[in-house]
Amino acid sequence: MKIMQRFYNRLTYYAGHKNANTFLCVYSFLEAIILPIPIDVLLGPIAMQKPHQAFRLAFYAAFYSLLGGCVGYALGYYFHDVAAYIFSLISGSEVSAENLDQSATFIQIKNFLEDYGILSVVLVGFTPLPFKIFSIAFGFFGYNFVIFFVLSFISRLIRFLIVSYLFAYFGQKYSKQIENIINKSSWIILILSILGLVLYLLLK
């Protein structure tokens, strides 16, 4: 099982490319709208290759991710049809513009916003919660844009600074350990996938 290893090697290749910073900016923007794999997966290897640019890389990731989040916010606020289509792609469930606010995920997000208030923006920006889905929801529910903009940028910048500096200062030293973790995780993913398939067939 070498899929994860090949993926890691490909990331390492792009991280060392002369246009790596541009890749990071473009990917950060698109990831905040629709791409599934978190920015950290690309940011880490680039910071490992360019430790002297750790702060700059984190800033790029946060800034362009925020721009993508603003696009998601605008889609949720103005373009419900497009928002519903993107939400369907991400969530894997059929959702239309008319029943977007009635979907189970959106109801959960609405409850989350009501329960945590301003803190919800910080949690979405800092944690692995899907920023793209929440950005659309923030716009759809008309959440205060200034609060969304400022707190999203701050929380995501802090998150990416942590990732960037960790890889910049420890990545080269522990690169072998990282590869070992990736190799082991690929087997774990394979086993879980098989168990999930078996469980699905038994319950079908």
C-alpha atoms as a PDB file:
ATOM      1  CA  MET A   1       0.000   0.000   0.000  1.00  0.00           C
ATOM      2  CA  LYS A   2       2.009   2.960  -1.308  1.00  0.00           C
ATOM      3  CA  ILE A   3      -0.731   5.458  -2.169  1.00  0.00           C
ATOM      4  CA  MET A   4      -0.045   7.719   0.824  1.00  0.00           C
ATOM      5  CA  GLN A   5       3.708   7.452   0.222  1.00  0.00           C
ATOM      6  CA  ARG A   6       3.321   8.483  -3.423  1.00  0.00           C
ATOM      7  CA  PHE A   7       1.045  11.318  -2.383  1.00  0.00           C
ATOM      8  CA  TYR A   8       3.629  12.491   0.156  1.00  0.00           C
ATOM      9  CA  ASN A   9       6.418  12.246  -2.434  1.00  0.00           C
ATOM     10  CA  ARG A  10       4.348  14.284  -4.874  1.00  0.00           C
ATOM     11  CA  LEU A  11       3.752  16.940  -2.223  1.00  0.00           C
ATOM     12  CA  THR A  12       7.461  17.019  -1.459  1.00  0.00           C
ATOM     13  CA  TYR A  13       8.163  17.510  -5.161  1.00  0.00           C
ATOM     14  CA  TYR A  14       5.781  20.453  -5.401  1.00  0.00           C
ATOM     15  CA  ALA A  15       7.170  21.850  -2.148  1.00  0.00           C
ATOM     16  CA  GLY A  16      10.603  22.076  -3.722  1.00  0.00           C
ATOM     17  CA  HIS A  17       9.347  23.566  -6.983  1.00  0.00           C
ATOM     18  CA  LYS A  18      10.373  27.121  -7.840  1.00  0.00           C
ATOM     19  CA  ASN A  19       6.687  28.089  -7.989  1.00  0.00           C
ATOM     20  CA  ALA A  20       5.809  26.384  -4.691  1.00  0.00           C
ATOM     21  CA  ASN A  21       4.622  29.640  -3.109  1.00  0.00           C
ATOM     22  CA  THR A  22       2.280  30.254  -6.033  1.00  0.00           C
ATOM     23  CA  PHE A  23       0.929  26.697  -5.729  1.00  0.00           C
ATOM     24  CA  LEU A  24       0.282  27.345  -2.054  1.00  0.00           C
ATOM     25  CA  CYS A  25      -1.605  30.591  -2.732  1.00  0.00           C
ATOM     26  CA  VAL A  26      -3.770  29.070  -5.457  1.00  0.00           C
ATOM     27  CA  TYR A  27      -4.461  25.931  -3.469  1.00  0.00           C
ATOM     28  CA  SER A  28      -5.295  27.900  -0.311  1.00  0.00           C
ATOM     29  CA  PHE A  29      -7.827  29.943  -2.248  1.00  0.00           C
ATOM     30  CA  LEU A  30      -9.482  26.935  -3.917  1.00  0.00           C
ATOM     31  CA  GLU A  31      -9.412  24.756  -0.788  1.00  0.00           C
ATOM     32  CA  ALA A  32     -11.495  27.353   1.031  1.00  0.00           C
ATOM     33  CA  ILE A  33     -14.173  27.008  -1.650  1.00  0.00           C
ATOM     34  CA  ILE A  34     -14.272  23.401  -2.801  1.00  0.00           C
ATOM     35  CA  LEU A  35     -11.037  21.339  -2.626  1.00  0.00           C
ATOM     36  CA  PRO A  36     -11.207  18.533  -0.036  1.00  0.00           C
ATOM     37  CA  ILE A  37      -7.627  18.155   1.246  1.00  0.00           C
ATOM     38  CA  PRO A  38      -6.607  20.683   3.960  1.00  0.00           C
ATOM     39  CA  ILE A  39      -4.002  23.352   3.217  1.00  0.00           C
ATOM     40  CA  ASP A  40      -1.773  22.052   6.018  1.00  0.00           C
ATOM     41  CA  VAL A  41      -0.871  19.019   3.873  1.00  0.00           C
ATOM     42  CA  LEU A  42       0.809  21.308   1.322  1.00  0.00           C
ATOM     43  CA  LEU A  43       1.949  24.055   3.699  1.00  0.00           C
ATOM     44  CA  GLY A  44       3.960  21.674   5.902  1.00  0.00           C
ATOM     45  CA  PRO A  45       6.245  20.239   3.187  1.00  0.00           C
ATOM     46  CA  ILE A  46       6.833  23.689   1.653  1.00  0.00           C
ATOM     47  CA  ALA A  47       7.796  25.130   5.054  1.00  0.00           C
ATOM     48  CA  MET A  48      10.112  22.153   5.538  1.00  0.00           C
ATOM     49  CA  GLN A  49      11.832  23.007   2.248  1.00  0.00           C
ATOM     50  CA  LYS A  50      11.863  26.758   2.970  1.00  0.00           C
ATOM     51  CA  PRO A  51      12.231  27.174   6.749  1.00  0.00           C
ATOM     52  CA  HIS A  52      13.390  30.787   6.383  1.00  0.00           C
ATOM     53  CA  GLN A  53       9.986  31.647   4.855  1.00  0.00           C
ATOM     54  CA  ALA A  54       7.871  30.075   7.604  1.00  0.00           C
ATOM     55  CA  PHE A  55       6.000  33.273   8.507  1.00  0.00           C
ATOM     56  CA  ARG A  56       5.504  34.342   4.893  1.00  0.00           C
ATOM     57  CA  LEU A  57       4.113  30.946   3.926  1.00  0.00           C
ATOM     58  CA  ALA A  58       1.671  30.937   6.853  1.00  0.00           C
ATOM     59  CA  PHE A  59       0.561  34.450   5.927  1.00  0.00           C
ATOM     60  CA  TYR A  60       0.014  33.460   2.292  1.00  0.00           C
ATOM     61  CA  ALA A  61      -2.023  30.414   3.342  1.00  0.00           C
ATOM     62  CA  ALA A  62      -4.171  32.433   5.745  1.00  0.00           C
ATOM     63  CA  PHE A  63      -4.695  35.385   3.397  1.00  0.00           C
ATOM     64  CA  TYR A  64      -5.644  33.402   0.298  1.00  0.00           C
ATOM     65  CA  SER A  65      -7.727  30.995   2.345  1.00  0.00           C
ATOM     66  CA  LEU A  66      -9.610  34.005   3.672  1.00  0.00           C
ATOM     67  CA  LEU A  67     -10.164  35.276   0.125  1.00  0.00           C
ATOM     68  CA  GLY A  68     -11.615  31.896  -0.780  1.00  0.00           C
ATOM     69  CA  GLY A  69     -13.748  32.024   2.356  1.00  0.00           C
ATOM     70  CA  CYS A  70     -15.059  35.435   1.271  1.00  0.00           C
ATOM     71  CA  VAL A  71     -16.084  33.900  -2.062  1.00  0.00           C
ATOM     72  CA  GLY A  72     -17.903  31.156  -0.147  1.00  0.00           C
ATOM     73  CA  TYR A  73     -19.559  33.787   2.032  1.00  0.00           C
ATOM     74  CA  ALA A  74     -20.698  35.711  -1.063  1.00  0.00           C
ATOM     75  CA  LEU A  75     -22.065  32.532  -2.639  1.00  0.00           C
ATOM     76  CA  GLY A  76     -24.046  31.742   0.491  1.00  0.00           C
ATOM     77  CA  TYR A  77     -25.340  35.311   0.719  1.00  0.00           C
ATOM     78  CA  TYR A  78     -26.140  36.076  -2.932  1.00  0.00           C
ATOM     79  CA  PHE A  79     -26.031  32.915  -5.055  1.00  0.00           C
ATOM     80  CA  HIS A  80     -27.993  30.164  -3.347  1.00  0.00           C
ATOM     81  CA  ASP A  81     -28.074  27.932  -6.427  1.00  0.00           C
ATOM     82  CA  VAL A  82     -24.276  27.854  -6.714  1.00  0.00           C
ATOM     83  CA  ALA A  83     -23.932  27.506  -2.944  1.00  0.00           C
ATOM     84  CA  ALA A  84     -26.289  24.526  -2.947  1.00  0.00           C
ATOM     85  CA  TYR A  85     -24.369  22.886  -5.801  1.00  0.00           C
ATOM     86  CA  ILE A  86     -21.011  23.273  -4.036  1.00  0.00           C
ATOM     87  CA  PHE A  87     -22.529  22.122  -0.765  1.00  0.00           C
ATOM     88  CA  SER A  88     -23.881  19.014  -2.527  1.00  0.00           C
ATOM     89  CA  LEU A  89     -20.442  18.222  -3.951  1.00  0.00           C
ATOM     90  CA  ILE A  90     -18.749  18.616  -0.584  1.00  0.00           C
ATOM     91  CA  SER A  91     -21.326  16.869   1.578  1.00  0.00           C
ATOM     92  CA  GLY A  92     -22.256  14.157  -0.934  1.00  0.00           C
ATOM     93  CA  SER A  93     -25.975  14.791  -0.427  1.00  0.00           C
ATOM     94  CA  GLU A  94     -28.451  16.265  -2.897  1.00  0.00           C
ATOM     95  CA  VAL A  95     -29.407  19.762  -1.791  1.00  0.00           C
ATOM     96  CA  SER A  96     -31.266  22.469  -3.706  1.00  0.00           C
ATOM     97  CA  ALA A  97     -31.332  26.213  -3.160  1.00  0.00           C
ATOM     98  CA  GLU A  98     -34.900  25.943  -1.876  1.00  0.00           C
ATOM     99  CA  ASN A  99     -34.150  23.434   0.869  1.00  0.00           C
ATOM    100  CA  LEU A 100     -30.548  24.369   1.670  1.00  0.00           C
ATOM    101  CA  ASP A 101     -31.465  25.691   5.095  1.00  0.00           C
ATOM    102  CA  GLN A 102     -33.467  22.521   5.783  1.00  0.00           C
ATOM    103  CA  SER A 103     -30.570  20.118   5.263  1.00  0.00           C
ATOM    104  CA  ALA A 104     -29.374  18.315   8.381  1.00  0.00           C
ATOM    105  CA  THR A 105     -25.875  19.739   8.082  1.00  0.00           C
ATOM    106  CA  PHE A 106     -27.077  23.337   7.779  1.00  0.00           C
ATOM    107  CA  ILE A 107     -29.380  22.897  10.769  1.00  0.00           C
ATOM    108  CA  GLN A 108     -26.421  21.615  12.786  1.00  0.00           C
ATOM    109  CA  ILE A 109     -24.318  24.566  11.641  1.00  0.00           C
ATOM    110  CA  LYS A 110     -27.072  27.004  12.596  1.00  0.00           C
ATOM    111  CA  ASN A 111     -27.280  25.456  16.058  1.00  0.00           C
ATOM    112  CA  PHE A 112     -23.485  25.600  16.290  1.00  0.00           C
ATOM    113  CA  LEU A 113     -23.483  29.323  15.473  1.00  0.00           C
ATOM    114  CA  GLU A 114     -26.224  30.002  17.987  1.00  0.00           C
ATOM    115  CA  ASP A 115     -24.490  28.007  20.710  1.00  0.00           C
ATOM    116  CA  TYR A 116     -20.994  29.456  20.308  1.00  0.00           C
ATOM    117  CA  GLY A 117     -21.602  32.914  18.808  1.00  0.00           C
ATOM    118  CA  ILE A 118     -18.388  34.750  17.936  1.00  0.00           C
ATOM    119  CA  LEU A 119     -16.330  31.835  19.212  1.00  0.00           C
ATOM    120  CA  SER A 120     -17.765  29.718  16.387  1.00  0.00           C
ATOM    121  CA  VAL A 121     -15.795  31.769  13.821  1.00  0.00           C
ATOM    122  CA  VAL A 122     -12.578  31.200  15.750  1.00  0.00           C
ATOM    123  CA  LEU A 123     -13.248  27.470  16.081  1.00  0.00           C
ATOM    124  CA  VAL A 124     -13.975  27.116  12.368  1.00  0.00           C
ATOM    125  CA  GLY A 125     -10.838  29.035  11.434  1.00  0.00           C
ATOM    126  CA  PHE A 126      -8.490  27.270  13.820  1.00  0.00           C
ATOM    127  CA  THR A 127      -9.720  23.672  13.882  1.00  0.00           C
ATOM    128  CA  PRO A 128     -10.108  21.093  11.057  1.00  0.00           C
ATOM    129  CA  LEU A 129     -13.819  21.941  10.761  1.00  0.00           C
ATOM    130  CA  PRO A 130     -14.644  22.384   7.023  1.00  0.00           C
ATOM    131  CA  PHE A 131     -14.040  26.111   6.491  1.00  0.00           C
ATOM    132  CA  LYS A 132     -15.620  25.966   3.021  1.00  0.00           C
ATOM    133  CA  ILE A 133     -18.986  24.716   4.292  1.00  0.00           C
ATOM    134  CA  PHE A 134     -19.086  27.139   7.191  1.00  0.00           C
ATOM    135  CA  SER A 135     -18.129  30.087   4.953  1.00  0.00           C
ATOM    136  CA  ILE A 136     -21.155  29.379   2.769  1.00  0.00           C
ATOM    137  CA  ALA A 137     -23.318  28.992   5.874  1.00  0.00           C
ATOM    138  CA  PHE A 138     -22.038  32.255   7.392  1.00  0.00           C
ATOM    139  CA  GLY A 139     -23.082  34.063   4.225  1.00  0.00           C
ATOM    140  CA  PHE A 140     -26.380  32.216   3.937  1.00  0.00           C
ATOM    141  CA  PHE A 141     -27.379  33.131   7.488  1.00  0.00           C
ATOM    142  CA  GLY A 142     -26.173  36.719   7.032  1.00  0.00           C
ATOM    143  CA  TYR A 143     -23.526  36.518   9.739  1.00  0.00           C
ATOM    144  CA  ASN A 144     -21.668  39.790  10.386  1.00  0.00           C
ATOM    145  CA  PHE A 145     -19.091  39.954   7.585  1.00  0.00           C
ATOM    146  CA  VAL A 146     -16.561  42.098   9.460  1.00  0.00           C
ATOM    147  CA  ILE A 147     -16.480  39.673  12.377  1.00  0.00           C
ATOM    148  CA  PHE A 148     -16.214  36.754   9.959  1.00  0.00           C
ATOM    149  CA  PHE A 149     -13.381  38.434   8.051  1.00  0.00           C
ATOM    150  CA  VAL A 150     -11.275  39.555  11.007  1.00  0.00           C
ATOM    151  CA  LEU A 151     -11.638  36.508  13.249  1.00  0.00           C
ATOM    152  CA  SER A 152     -11.261  34.043  10.368  1.00  0.00           C
ATOM    153  CA  PHE A 153      -7.996  35.653   9.319  1.00  0.00           C
ATOM    154  CA  ILE A 154      -6.593  35.763  12.855  1.00  0.00           C
ATOM    155  CA  SER A 155      -7.555  32.194  13.718  1.00  0.00           C
ATOM    156  CA  ARG A 156      -6.337  30.747  10.432  1.00  0.00           C
ATOM    157  CA  LEU A 157      -3.090  32.697  10.596  1.00  0.00           C
ATOM    158  CA  ILE A 158      -2.391  31.304  14.080  1.00  0.00           C
ATOM    159  CA  ARG A 159      -3.178  27.778  12.905  1.00  0.00           C
ATOM    160  CA  PHE A 160      -0.954  28.022   9.833  1.00  0.00           C
ATOM    161  CA  LEU A 161       1.859  29.670  11.806  1.00  0.00           C
ATOM    162  CA  ILE A 162       1.898  26.662  14.121  1.00  0.00           C
ATOM    163  CA  VAL A 163       1.979  24.234  11.194  1.00  0.00           C
ATOM    164  CA  SER A 164       4.538  26.245   9.246  1.00  0.00           C
ATOM    165  CA  TYR A 165       6.987  26.725  12.125  1.00  0.00           C
ATOM    166  CA  LEU A 166       6.680  23.122  13.315  1.00  0.00           C
ATOM    167  CA  PHE A 167       7.613  21.823   9.878  1.00  0.00           C
ATOM    168  CA  ALA A 168      10.229  24.522   9.351  1.00  0.00           C
ATOM    169  CA  TYR A 169      12.116  23.705  12.548  1.00  0.00           C
ATOM    170  CA  PHE A 170      11.422  20.011  13.030  1.00  0.00           C
ATOM    171  CA  GLY A 171      10.490  18.733   9.568  1.00  0.00           C
ATOM    172  CA  GLN A 172      13.990  17.992   8.257  1.00  0.00           C
ATOM    173  CA  LYS A 173      15.093  16.481  11.549  1.00  0.00           C
ATOM    174  CA  TYR A 174      12.126  14.137  11.753  1.00  0.00           C
ATOM    175  CA  SER A 175      11.450  13.603   8.042  1.00  0.00           C
ATOM    176  CA  LYS A 176      12.058   9.843   8.348  1.00  0.00           C
ATOM    177  CA  GLN A 177       9.593   9.582  11.222  1.00  0.00           C
ATOM    178  CA  ILE A 178       7.014  11.492   9.176  1.00  0.00           C
ATOM    179  CA  GLU A 179       7.435   9.061   6.268  1.00  0.00           C
ATOM    180  CA  ASN A 180       7.080   6.111   8.652  1.00  0.00           C
ATOM    181  CA  ILE A 181       3.845   7.564  10.036  1.00  0.00           C
ATOM    182  CA  ILE A 182       2.526   8.006   6.491  1.00  0.00           C
ATOM    183  CA  ASN A 183       3.375   4.414   5.588  1.00  0.00           C
ATOM    184  CA  LYS A 184       1.666   3.078   8.715  1.00  0.00           C
ATOM    185  CA  SER A 185      -1.363   5.345   8.272  1.00  0.00           C
ATOM    186  CA  SER A 186      -1.874   4.014   4.745  1.00  0.00           C
ATOM    187  CA  TRP A 187      -2.352   0.527   6.158  1.00  0.00           C
ATOM    188  CA  ILE A 188      -4.716   1.843   8.812  1.00  0.00           C
ATOM    189  CA  ILE A 189      -6.783   3.600   6.113  1.00  0.00           C
ATOM    190  CA  LEU A 190      -6.891   0.399   4.054  1.00  0.00           C
ATOM    191  CA  ILE A 191      -8.032  -1.720   7.021  1.00  0.00           C
ATOM    192  CA  LEU A 192     -10.703   0.791   8.041  1.00  0.00           C
ATOM    193  CA  SER A 193     -11.953   0.985   4.448  1.00  0.00           C
ATOM    194  CA  ILE A 194     -12.300  -2.800   4.261  1.00  0.00           C
ATOM    195  CA  LEU A 195     -14.078  -2.951   7.625  1.00  0.00           C
ATOM    196  CA  GLY A 196     -16.384  -0.138   6.532  1.00  0.00           C
ATOM    197  CA  LEU A 197     -17.228  -1.954   3.301  1.00  0.00           C
ATOM    198  CA  VAL A 198     -17.919  -5.212   5.153  1.00  0.00           C
ATOM    199  CA  LEU A 199     -20.125  -3.399   7.662  1.00  0.00           C
ATOM    200  CA  TYR A 200     -22.012  -1.679   4.836  1.00  0.00           C
ATOM    201  CA  LEU A 201     -22.650  -4.980   3.061  1.00  0.00           C
ATOM    202  CA  LEU A 202     -23.843  -6.647   6.276  1.00  0.00           C
ATOM    203  CA  LEU A 203     -26.258  -3.828   7.080  1.00  0.00           C
ATOM    204  CA  LYS A 204     -27.477  -3.295   3.531  1.00  0.00           C
END
